[in-house]
Amino acid sequence: MRVLILNDLWDQRIGSSVRQMYQHAAVLESLGHETLVVSTTPDPKLVGKATELGIDLIRLHSDYNPRWRAWVGMHNKRVLPELEKILAEWKPDVVHTHLVHSHLSYGALTAARRAGAAVVFTAHDVMTFCYQKLTCFHGGSKAGGEQRDYAARWQKCLPCQRARWRPDRNKRILEIMNRDVQRVTVVSDELGTVLRANGLPVHRRVHNAIEPKTSLPTAADVAAFRKKFELGDSPVIAIGGRLHEQKGVGQLLQMLKLLLGDFPDLKMIVMGKADVYDREFRAQAETLGVAGAVVPTGWLDGDELSAAYSVIDALVTPSICFDTFGLVNLEAMEHGRPVVATCFGGSQEVVVHGETGFIANPFDVPVFAGRIGELLSNPTLASEMGKRGQERVAKTFTIERLCQEFLEEYEIARSQIRV
């Protein structure tokens, strides 16, 4: 089987979901299938053929002001002619699309179907009906995050997006999904609930996965990381990924202020771009009086990221947006670390409350902080939860399982084309 994979993102260093895409392709190839990834880049020097993690890749050029995403993301005239040539020459049996909202565009789904391929669309986020990360559904701090209003409508979207709002966007996306896509998968059941609330088709949930590491960091690796970032013997918690207010960084700084009362030596490492922390969160940390406990590590990957997971006592993911899955949760669990995760989105399908960590409402800062404190004050509990999380990853979230489920989806999609 020839599987063409579409994704706006190609650099595996920028996100776990991109690494997962290449890992999935590698398993497909080990089973005798052929794969090709088509992606985009704003850098003309990177346009053309390449390989990433051993997988063949073609990068197309796309660069525009994101203000116009509601228009260009529907039909990107710059990349679609090149994509159509690739489809005609490579002749895939299946086109598996991931993130195409910005550059490859939803027009890529139509192009794939016209080329005679079966089309499988994997939703990793809410952007099939939302313009950004879904933040309006829970009612915010006024409602204590207790609402669950998932449906998009102009009364919410127009005030949020203003000039960027396109009245026919969601209608056109739905038409394309119904006409040109044979199978739609989601990375969590809760994401499926959200998409269905907006009239979108959902055929199957395929949980994310990770390829297991051949070895975890040694005690010497952990000591070296502690020394590099001057952590000493302090207890350590962490937040990781793209730093944004909607990822709950501000909430966590408030929690840190409470935690320092009981754990005065506590350090919080911020595993994201240091310039973003400096620009958007340092002032808040200084106002709260917790800046000295925050250790911005900058963006980590590879062995250094693995060492960071091995250093921490707990990973914290306090997102106040709809967090569709949270691959960082799996990565921490693989390293035997418990997780305290948001109640918004799919984290509760990854972290089993009371067994591998805790699920809490990040708008309830004292309660969320209290869950972190439980782990810091009870190392035995934290260790037991970490071990159960490690076992859960090895049993449930394997890349082989993900590949098998997608192969089943490919066959279903192809049978619908033949009919």
Protein backbone atom coordinates (compact mmCIF):
# COMPACT_ATOMS: atom_id res chain seq x y z
CA MET A 1 0.00 0.00 0.00
CA ARG A 2 1.22 3.50 -0.83
CA VAL A 3 0.41 6.00 1.91
CA LEU A 4 0.89 9.73 1.35
CA ILE A 5 0.92 11.68 4.62
CA LEU A 6 0.02 15.36 4.70
CA ASN A 7 1.01 17.68 7.52
CA ASP A 8 1.71 21.43 7.63
CA LEU A 9 4.53 20.62 10.09
CA TRP A 10 7.60 18.59 9.18
CA ASP A 11 10.25 19.30 11.86
CA GLN A 12 10.09 16.54 14.49
CA ARG A 13 11.87 18.81 16.98
CA ILE A 14 8.90 21.14 17.32
CA GLY A 15 6.36 18.70 18.64
CA SER A 16 5.60 15.18 19.80
CA SER A 17 2.77 14.73 17.29
CA VAL A 18 5.20 15.33 14.40
CA ARG A 19 7.62 12.73 15.80
CA GLN A 20 4.68 10.35 16.12
CA MET A 21 3.88 10.85 12.42
CA TYR A 22 7.38 9.74 11.40
CA GLN A 23 7.33 6.84 13.87
CA HIS A 24 4.03 5.69 12.39
CA ALA A 25 5.49 5.91 8.88
CA ALA A 26 8.51 3.88 9.95
CA VAL A 27 6.31 1.09 11.27
CA LEU A 28 4.31 1.11 8.03
CA GLU A 29 7.51 0.75 6.03
CA SER A 30 8.71 -2.08 8.27
CA LEU A 31 5.48 -3.89 7.33
CA GLY A 32 6.20 -3.48 3.61
CA HIS A 33 4.15 -0.37 2.82
CA GLU A 34 5.50 2.72 1.05
CA THR A 35 5.22 6.18 2.61
CA LEU A 36 5.87 9.78 1.65
CA VAL A 37 5.32 12.89 3.76
CA VAL A 38 4.33 16.18 2.13
CA SER A 39 4.67 19.28 4.26
CA THR A 40 5.33 23.02 3.98
CA THR A 41 8.00 25.54 4.91
CA PRO A 42 8.21 29.34 4.88
CA ASP A 43 11.92 29.06 4.00
CA PRO A 44 12.53 28.85 0.23
CA LYS A 45 15.92 27.22 0.92
CA LEU A 46 14.19 24.19 2.45
CA VAL A 47 11.80 23.56 -0.43
CA GLY A 48 12.15 20.19 -2.12
CA LYS A 49 12.98 16.61 -1.24
CA ALA A 50 14.53 15.61 2.08
CA THR A 51 14.42 12.92 4.75
CA GLU A 52 13.40 13.23 8.37
CA LEU A 53 13.94 10.38 10.83
CA GLY A 54 14.57 8.17 7.81
CA ILE A 55 11.27 8.99 6.08
CA ASP A 56 11.06 10.58 2.61
CA LEU A 57 9.73 14.11 2.74
CA ILE A 58 8.77 16.82 0.23
CA ARG A 59 8.48 20.39 1.50
CA LEU A 60 6.39 22.92 -0.43
CA HIS A 61 6.70 26.68 0.02
CA SER A 62 3.99 28.56 1.89
CA ASP A 63 4.36 31.83 3.74
CA TYR A 64 1.66 34.40 4.44
CA ASN A 65 0.24 36.56 7.22
CA PRO A 66 -1.74 34.23 9.50
CA ARG A 67 -4.44 36.90 9.66
CA TRP A 68 -5.66 35.39 6.38
CA ARG A 69 -5.76 31.77 7.56
CA ALA A 70 -9.55 31.50 7.35
CA TRP A 71 -9.19 32.13 3.60
CA VAL A 72 -5.81 30.64 2.64
CA GLY A 73 -6.41 27.65 4.92
CA MET A 74 -9.43 26.71 2.85
CA HIS A 75 -7.67 26.73 -0.52
CA ASN A 76 -3.99 27.60 -0.73
CA LYS A 77 -3.38 28.42 -4.40
CA ARG A 78 0.37 28.44 -3.83
CA VAL A 79 0.79 24.81 -2.74
CA LEU A 80 -2.15 22.96 -4.31
CA PRO A 81 -0.80 22.82 -7.90
CA GLU A 82 2.44 21.28 -6.60
CA LEU A 83 0.52 18.85 -4.42
CA GLU A 84 -1.62 17.82 -7.38
CA LYS A 85 1.56 17.00 -9.35
CA ILE A 86 2.84 14.84 -6.47
CA LEU A 87 -0.49 13.03 -6.28
CA ALA A 88 -0.48 12.36 -10.03
CA GLU A 89 3.12 11.09 -10.03
CA TRP A 90 3.19 9.13 -6.77
CA LYS A 91 -0.34 7.67 -7.10
CA PRO A 92 -1.08 6.92 -3.42
CA ASP A 93 -3.68 4.38 -2.39
CA VAL A 94 -4.38 6.36 0.78
CA VAL A 95 -3.83 9.97 1.74
CA HIS A 96 -3.62 10.39 5.51
CA THR A 97 -3.99 14.03 6.54
CA HIS A 98 -3.02 15.51 9.88
CA LEU A 99 -2.66 19.27 10.40
CA VAL A 100 -3.61 21.07 7.18
CA HIS A 101 -5.51 24.09 8.55
CA SER A 102 -2.90 26.70 7.67
CA HIS A 103 -0.81 25.78 4.64
CA LEU A 104 -1.69 22.61 2.78
CA SER A 105 -5.30 23.71 3.31
CA TYR A 106 -8.58 21.82 3.20
CA GLY A 107 -8.29 21.97 -0.58
CA ALA A 108 -5.71 19.20 -0.20
CA LEU A 109 -8.50 16.81 0.82
CA THR A 110 -10.37 17.55 -2.38
CA ALA A 111 -7.20 17.19 -4.45
CA ALA A 112 -6.48 13.80 -2.85
CA ARG A 113 -9.97 12.53 -3.52
CA ARG A 114 -9.90 13.73 -7.13
CA ALA A 115 -6.63 11.85 -7.58
CA GLY A 116 -8.47 8.64 -6.74
CA ALA A 117 -7.00 8.10 -3.26
CA ALA A 118 -8.91 7.09 -0.18
CA VAL A 119 -8.71 9.93 2.35
CA VAL A 120 -8.30 9.51 6.10
CA PHE A 121 -8.36 12.69 8.19
CA THR A 122 -6.98 12.69 11.74
CA ALA A 123 -8.18 15.56 13.92
CA HIS A 124 -5.51 16.51 16.45
CA ASP A 125 -7.23 19.69 17.55
CA VAL A 126 -10.45 21.71 17.30
CA MET A 127 -9.58 23.79 14.26
CA THR A 128 -12.11 22.08 12.00
CA PHE A 129 -14.65 24.41 13.65
CA CYS A 130 -12.59 26.80 15.81
CA TYR A 131 -10.07 29.41 14.69
CA GLN A 132 -7.66 28.74 17.54
CA LYS A 133 -7.51 26.73 20.76
CA LEU A 134 -11.03 26.30 22.12
CA THR A 135 -11.29 28.52 25.20
CA CYS A 136 -14.91 29.69 25.38
CA PHE A 137 -16.64 26.42 26.25
CA HIS A 138 -16.00 26.29 30.01
CA GLY A 139 -17.15 29.78 31.02
CA GLY A 140 -13.75 30.80 32.36
CA SER A 141 -13.06 31.88 35.91
CA LYS A 142 -16.56 33.38 36.28
CA ALA A 143 -18.10 29.94 35.86
CA GLY A 144 -15.24 28.16 37.59
CA GLY A 145 -14.60 26.27 34.36
CA GLU A 146 -17.76 24.23 34.87
CA GLN A 147 -19.63 24.95 31.62
CA ARG A 148 -19.46 22.66 28.59
CA ASP A 149 -20.75 24.72 25.66
CA TYR A 150 -18.93 23.14 22.73
CA ALA A 151 -20.94 24.34 19.73
CA ALA A 152 -19.50 27.14 17.58
CA ARG A 153 -21.89 29.92 16.61
CA TRP A 154 -21.47 33.43 15.33
CA GLN A 155 -22.46 34.98 18.66
CA LYS A 156 -19.27 33.51 20.16
CA CYS A 157 -16.95 33.41 17.15
CA LEU A 158 -17.51 36.91 15.74
CA PRO A 159 -16.62 38.79 18.97
CA CYS A 160 -13.60 36.50 19.38
CA GLN A 161 -12.24 36.74 15.84
CA ARG A 162 -13.68 40.06 14.67
CA ALA A 163 -12.18 40.86 11.24
CA ARG A 164 -10.70 37.36 10.96
CA TRP A 165 -14.11 35.72 11.16
CA ARG A 166 -15.29 34.17 7.89
CA PRO A 167 -19.03 33.40 7.91
CA ASP A 168 -18.90 30.41 5.54
CA ARG A 169 -15.68 28.80 6.86
CA ASN A 170 -17.16 26.05 9.01
CA LYS A 171 -19.89 25.26 6.49
CA ARG A 172 -17.32 24.79 3.73
CA ILE A 173 -15.10 22.60 5.93
CA LEU A 174 -18.07 20.38 6.77
CA GLU A 175 -18.95 20.06 3.07
CA ILE A 176 -15.39 19.00 2.24
CA MET A 177 -15.25 16.50 5.10
CA ASN A 178 -18.55 14.90 4.05
CA ARG A 179 -17.71 14.85 0.35
CA ASP A 180 -14.01 14.08 0.13
CA VAL A 181 -13.04 12.20 3.32
CA GLN A 182 -13.85 8.53 3.84
CA ARG A 183 -12.76 8.21 7.47
CA VAL A 184 -12.31 10.76 10.25
CA THR A 185 -10.37 9.79 13.36
CA VAL A 186 -9.79 11.75 16.55
CA VAL A 187 -7.01 11.47 19.12
CA SER A 188 -9.38 11.34 22.10
CA ASP A 189 -13.01 10.47 22.80
CA GLU A 190 -13.58 13.93 24.23
CA LEU A 191 -12.38 15.51 20.98
CA GLY A 192 -14.89 13.29 19.20
CA THR A 193 -17.62 14.65 21.47
CA VAL A 194 -16.62 18.22 20.60
CA LEU A 195 -16.51 17.61 16.85
CA ARG A 196 -19.87 15.85 16.87
CA ALA A 197 -21.34 18.80 18.79
CA ASN A 198 -20.40 20.87 15.74
CA GLY A 199 -21.92 18.48 13.22
CA LEU A 200 -18.63 17.00 12.03
CA PRO A 201 -18.30 13.31 11.17
CA VAL A 202 -16.25 11.13 13.53
CA HIS A 203 -15.70 7.46 12.78
CA ARG A 204 -13.11 6.30 15.28
CA ARG A 205 -10.91 7.33 18.16
CA VAL A 206 -7.24 6.43 17.73
CA HIS A 207 -5.30 7.46 20.80
CA ASN A 208 -1.86 8.94 20.29
CA ALA A 209 1.19 6.82 21.00
CA ILE A 210 4.93 6.97 21.50
CA GLU A 211 7.79 4.79 20.39
CA PRO A 212 9.44 3.38 23.53
CA LYS A 213 12.93 4.51 24.34
CA THR A 214 15.64 1.85 24.25
CA SER A 215 17.02 3.23 27.52
CA LEU A 216 16.20 5.91 30.06
CA PRO A 217 18.67 8.43 31.56
CA THR A 218 21.18 7.20 34.11
CA ALA A 219 21.78 8.67 37.55
CA ALA A 220 24.77 10.48 36.07
CA ASP A 221 22.56 12.02 33.37
CA VAL A 222 20.12 13.23 36.01
CA ALA A 223 22.93 14.67 38.13
CA ALA A 224 24.35 16.48 35.11
CA PHE A 225 20.98 18.04 34.32
CA ARG A 226 20.54 19.17 37.92
CA LYS A 227 23.99 20.72 37.88
CA LYS A 228 23.49 22.48 34.55
CA PHE A 229 20.29 24.18 35.69
CA GLU A 230 21.40 24.66 39.32
CA LEU A 231 18.58 22.59 40.78
CA GLY A 232 20.60 21.20 43.69
CA ASP A 233 18.60 18.67 45.70
CA SER A 234 15.33 20.60 45.36
CA PRO A 235 12.04 18.93 44.53
CA VAL A 236 11.11 19.77 40.94
CA ILE A 237 7.88 20.09 39.00
CA ALA A 238 7.66 20.95 35.30
CA ILE A 239 5.47 22.30 32.56
CA GLY A 240 6.45 21.67 28.95
CA GLY A 241 5.58 22.39 25.35
CA ARG A 242 4.53 25.60 23.69
CA LEU A 243 4.22 28.28 26.33
CA HIS A 244 0.93 30.12 26.14
CA GLU A 245 -1.53 31.60 28.60
CA GLN A 246 -4.09 29.02 27.45
CA LYS A 247 -1.71 26.23 28.45
CA GLY A 248 -2.15 27.37 32.04
CA VAL A 249 1.29 28.86 32.68
CA GLY A 250 -0.28 31.75 34.57
CA GLN A 251 -2.42 29.37 36.61
CA LEU A 252 0.66 27.33 37.49
CA LEU A 253 2.54 30.40 38.70
CA GLN A 254 -0.32 31.06 41.12
CA MET A 255 -0.14 27.43 42.25
CA LEU A 256 3.60 27.74 42.71
CA LYS A 257 3.07 30.65 45.11
CA LEU A 258 0.85 28.43 47.27
CA LEU A 259 3.20 25.43 47.07
CA LEU A 260 6.26 27.42 48.16
CA GLY A 261 4.64 27.89 51.55
CA ASP A 262 5.00 24.16 52.23
CA PHE A 263 7.94 23.42 49.94
CA PRO A 264 10.23 26.47 50.11
CA ASP A 265 12.99 24.77 48.07
CA LEU A 266 10.65 23.79 45.24
CA LYS A 267 11.78 24.53 41.67
CA MET A 268 9.58 24.67 38.59
CA ILE A 269 11.32 24.04 35.28
CA VAL A 270 9.68 25.56 32.23
CA MET A 271 10.52 23.37 29.23
CA GLY A 272 9.70 25.80 26.46
CA LYS A 273 11.17 28.75 24.63
CA ALA A 274 12.91 30.96 27.18
CA ASP A 275 12.21 34.15 25.24
CA VAL A 276 8.48 33.43 25.38
CA TYR A 277 8.66 32.96 29.15
CA ASP A 278 10.66 36.18 29.53
CA ARG A 279 8.28 38.14 27.35
CA GLU A 280 4.94 36.83 28.56
CA PHE A 281 5.29 35.36 32.05
CA ARG A 282 8.36 36.62 33.88
CA ALA A 283 6.63 39.84 35.01
CA GLN A 284 3.78 37.83 36.50
CA ALA A 285 6.22 35.54 38.29
CA GLU A 286 8.00 38.57 39.74
CA THR A 287 4.73 40.13 40.86
CA LEU A 288 3.76 36.90 42.60
CA GLY A 289 7.20 36.64 44.19
CA VAL A 290 7.97 33.24 42.66
CA ALA A 291 10.46 34.19 39.92
CA GLY A 292 13.37 32.76 41.90
CA ALA A 293 11.74 29.33 41.90
CA VAL A 294 11.21 29.27 38.13
CA VAL A 295 13.92 27.75 35.95
CA PRO A 296 13.40 28.37 32.21
CA THR A 297 15.37 25.66 30.42
CA GLY A 298 14.62 26.74 26.89
CA TRP A 299 13.31 24.29 24.31
CA LEU A 300 14.51 20.76 25.05
CA ASP A 301 14.60 17.69 22.85
CA GLY A 302 16.41 14.37 22.57
CA ASP A 303 18.52 13.19 25.49
CA GLU A 304 18.22 16.49 27.34
CA LEU A 305 14.41 16.35 27.31
CA SER A 306 14.58 12.76 28.53
CA ALA A 307 16.88 13.84 31.37
CA ALA A 308 14.45 16.59 32.31
CA TYR A 309 11.58 14.11 32.65
CA SER A 310 13.80 11.93 34.83
CA VAL A 311 14.63 14.85 37.13
CA ILE A 312 11.10 15.95 37.95
CA ASP A 313 8.87 14.75 40.74
CA ALA A 314 5.73 15.48 38.71
CA LEU A 315 4.68 16.91 35.37
CA VAL A 316 1.92 19.48 35.46
CA THR A 317 -0.36 20.23 32.49
CA PRO A 318 -2.87 22.83 33.74
CA SER A 319 -4.32 23.92 30.38
CA ILE A 320 -7.32 26.24 30.50
CA CYS A 321 -8.10 25.57 26.84
CA PHE A 322 -9.44 22.33 25.38
CA ASP A 323 -6.33 20.12 25.56
CA THR A 324 -7.08 17.38 23.04
CA PHE A 325 -4.65 14.73 24.35
CA GLY A 326 -1.33 15.87 25.75
CA LEU A 327 1.52 13.75 24.42
CA VAL A 328 3.79 15.30 27.05
CA ASN A 329 1.71 13.36 29.58
CA LEU A 330 2.74 10.10 27.90
CA GLU A 331 6.37 11.15 27.76
CA ALA A 332 6.45 11.87 31.48
CA MET A 333 4.66 8.61 32.25
CA GLU A 334 7.16 6.67 30.15
CA HIS A 335 9.85 8.02 32.47
CA GLY A 336 7.93 6.81 35.51
CA ARG A 337 6.65 10.24 36.55
CA PRO A 338 3.13 11.03 37.80
CA VAL A 339 1.10 13.75 36.09
CA VAL A 340 -1.33 16.32 37.40
CA ALA A 341 -3.42 17.24 34.36
CA THR A 342 -6.27 19.49 33.34
CA CYS A 343 -9.86 18.31 33.36
CA PHE A 344 -10.44 20.01 29.99
CA GLY A 345 -10.11 17.69 27.01
CA GLY A 346 -8.52 14.30 26.56
CA SER A 347 -5.98 14.24 29.41
CA GLN A 348 -8.38 12.22 31.52
CA GLU A 349 -8.12 9.43 28.92
CA VAL A 350 -4.35 9.38 29.40
CA VAL A 351 -3.92 10.04 33.12
CA VAL A 352 -6.01 7.76 35.31
CA HIS A 353 -7.10 9.85 38.29
CA GLY A 354 -5.81 8.42 41.55
CA GLU A 355 -3.75 5.75 39.79
CA THR A 356 -1.17 7.38 37.50
CA GLY A 357 -1.65 10.93 38.72
CA PHE A 358 -4.51 13.35 39.20
CA ILE A 359 -7.06 15.21 37.07
CA ALA A 360 -8.05 18.63 38.39
CA ASN A 361 -9.70 21.89 37.38
CA PRO A 362 -6.98 24.53 36.85
CA PHE A 363 -9.43 27.33 37.66
CA ASP A 364 -9.57 25.92 41.19
CA VAL A 365 -6.00 26.91 41.98
CA PRO A 366 -5.93 25.72 45.63
CA VAL A 367 -7.28 22.26 44.78
CA PHE A 368 -4.99 21.82 41.78
CA ALA A 369 -2.00 22.97 43.83
CA GLY A 370 -3.09 20.58 46.57
CA ARG A 371 -2.85 17.64 44.18
CA ILE A 372 0.70 18.62 43.27
CA GLY A 373 1.46 18.94 46.98
CA GLU A 374 0.19 15.41 47.62
CA LEU A 375 2.83 14.04 45.29
CA LEU A 376 5.61 16.24 46.68
CA SER A 377 4.83 15.31 50.26
CA ASN A 378 4.47 11.60 49.59
CA PRO A 379 7.37 10.29 47.44
CA THR A 380 6.14 6.72 47.85
CA LEU A 381 2.76 7.60 46.35
CA ALA A 382 4.45 9.52 43.54
CA SER A 383 6.73 6.57 42.78
CA GLU A 384 3.84 4.10 42.75
CA MET A 385 1.79 6.31 40.46
CA GLY A 386 4.79 6.78 38.19
CA LYS A 387 5.33 3.05 37.94
CA ARG A 388 1.67 2.44 37.08
CA GLY A 389 1.86 5.17 34.47
CA GLN A 390 4.92 3.55 32.94
CA GLU A 391 3.09 0.23 32.74
CA ARG A 392 0.05 1.94 31.21
CA VAL A 393 2.14 3.51 28.44
CA ALA A 394 3.83 0.20 27.61
CA LYS A 395 0.48 -1.61 27.45
CA THR A 396 -1.88 0.92 25.90
CA PHE A 397 -0.08 3.69 24.03
CA THR A 398 2.29 1.83 21.70
CA ILE A 399 3.11 2.96 18.19
CA GLU A 400 2.38 -0.59 16.96
CA ARG A 401 -1.18 -0.35 18.28
CA LEU A 402 -1.65 3.02 16.61
CA CYS A 403 -0.31 1.69 13.32
CA GLN A 404 -2.60 -1.34 13.39
CA GLU A 405 -5.66 0.81 14.03
CA PHE A 406 -4.78 3.15 11.19
CA LEU A 407 -4.19 0.23 8.83
CA GLU A 408 -7.73 -0.90 9.62
CA GLU A 409 -8.97 2.61 8.83
CA TYR A 410 -7.06 2.62 5.54
CA GLU A 411 -8.70 -0.62 4.47
CA ILE A 412 -12.17 0.66 5.36
CA ALA A 413 -11.52 3.88 3.44
CA ARG A 414 -10.24 1.96 0.39
CA SER A 415 -13.28 -0.34 0.42
CA GLN A 416 -15.54 2.69 0.30
CA ILE A 417 -13.66 4.02 -2.72
CA ARG A 418 -14.03 0.68 -4.52
CA VAL A 419 -17.77 0.66 -3.87
